[in-house]
Amino acid sequence: MASGGVVEGAMQTPDGAWRVEIVRRGRARWYRVVHGDEVVDWLSISSVERILHDAGVDRDQLIDAHPPIG
């Protein structure tokens, strides 16, 4: 479940199925991976890379995405 914070930037697969967000709350910064209804929060970059790799997603194909509105 997402734990709040301000999305400072995001990248996603061209089809939008996978999204990686850079999140900040106060001084803390972390990554969030969103895939469908599944949200994995408070991740390090190495955890993001592992999740994408395990899912067969090539991180080099991620494109810039706008943070969600709201």
Protein backbone atom coordinates (compact mmCIF):
# COMPACT_ATOMS: atom_id res chain seq x y z
CA MET A 1 0.00 0.00 0.00
CA ALA A 2 1.27 3.46 -0.84
CA SER A 3 2.48 5.45 2.14
CA GLY A 4 1.95 9.03 1.03
CA GLY A 5 4.63 11.45 0.01
CA VAL A 6 5.09 13.75 -2.95
CA VAL A 7 5.94 12.17 -6.30
CA GLU A 8 8.96 14.08 -7.61
CA GLY A 9 9.34 12.15 -10.85
CA ALA A 10 8.28 8.97 -12.57
CA MET A 11 9.18 6.61 -15.38
CA GLN A 12 7.07 3.90 -16.92
CA THR A 13 7.03 1.25 -19.60
CA PRO A 14 5.75 2.54 -22.96
CA ASP A 15 2.44 0.71 -22.39
CA GLY A 16 2.10 2.14 -18.87
CA ALA A 17 1.88 -1.31 -17.29
CA TRP A 18 4.85 -0.69 -14.98
CA ARG A 19 5.59 2.62 -13.29
CA VAL A 20 8.50 3.66 -11.05
CA GLU A 21 8.04 6.79 -8.95
CA ILE A 22 10.56 8.82 -6.96
CA VAL A 23 8.80 9.85 -3.77
CA ARG A 24 9.67 12.37 -1.05
CA ARG A 25 8.18 12.99 2.36
CA GLY A 26 10.10 15.43 4.53
CA ARG A 27 13.77 14.50 4.18
CA ALA A 28 13.07 10.89 3.21
CA ARG A 29 13.25 9.84 -0.45
CA TRP A 30 12.44 6.42 -1.83
CA TYR A 31 11.09 4.59 -4.87
CA ARG A 32 7.65 3.13 -5.48
CA VAL A 33 6.76 0.52 -8.11
CA VAL A 34 3.20 0.44 -9.42
CA HIS A 35 1.88 -2.44 -11.51
CA GLY A 36 -1.89 -2.59 -11.95
CA ASP A 37 -3.43 -2.50 -8.48
CA GLU A 38 -0.17 -3.58 -6.84
CA VAL A 39 1.95 -0.88 -5.19
CA VAL A 40 5.31 -1.62 -3.56
CA ASP A 41 6.59 1.30 -1.54
CA TRP A 42 9.72 2.44 0.36
CA LEU A 43 12.13 0.76 -2.08
CA SER A 44 15.82 1.32 -2.75
CA ILE A 45 16.99 1.53 -6.36
CA SER A 46 18.46 -1.96 -6.10
CA SER A 47 15.05 -3.31 -5.04
CA VAL A 48 13.41 -1.54 -7.99
CA GLU A 49 15.96 -3.07 -10.36
CA ARG A 50 15.37 -6.54 -8.90
CA ILE A 51 11.56 -6.24 -9.19
CA LEU A 52 11.78 -5.07 -12.80
CA HIS A 53 14.33 -7.75 -13.70
CA ASP A 54 12.25 -10.51 -12.08
CA ALA A 55 9.21 -9.30 -14.07
CA GLY A 56 11.17 -9.32 -17.34
CA VAL A 57 11.02 -5.53 -17.68
CA ASP A 58 14.10 -3.91 -19.26
CA ARG A 59 14.67 -0.72 -17.26
CA ASP A 60 16.42 0.84 -20.28
CA GLN A 61 13.04 0.94 -22.02
CA LEU A 62 11.38 3.04 -19.29
CA ILE A 63 10.26 6.45 -20.50
CA ASP A 64 9.53 9.67 -18.60
CA ALA A 65 6.05 9.84 -17.12
CA HIS A 66 4.20 12.64 -15.45
CA PRO A 67 3.45 12.23 -11.74
CA PRO A 68 -0.21 11.49 -11.03
CA ILE A 69 -2.45 14.49 -10.60
CA GLY A 70 -3.97 14.97 -7.18
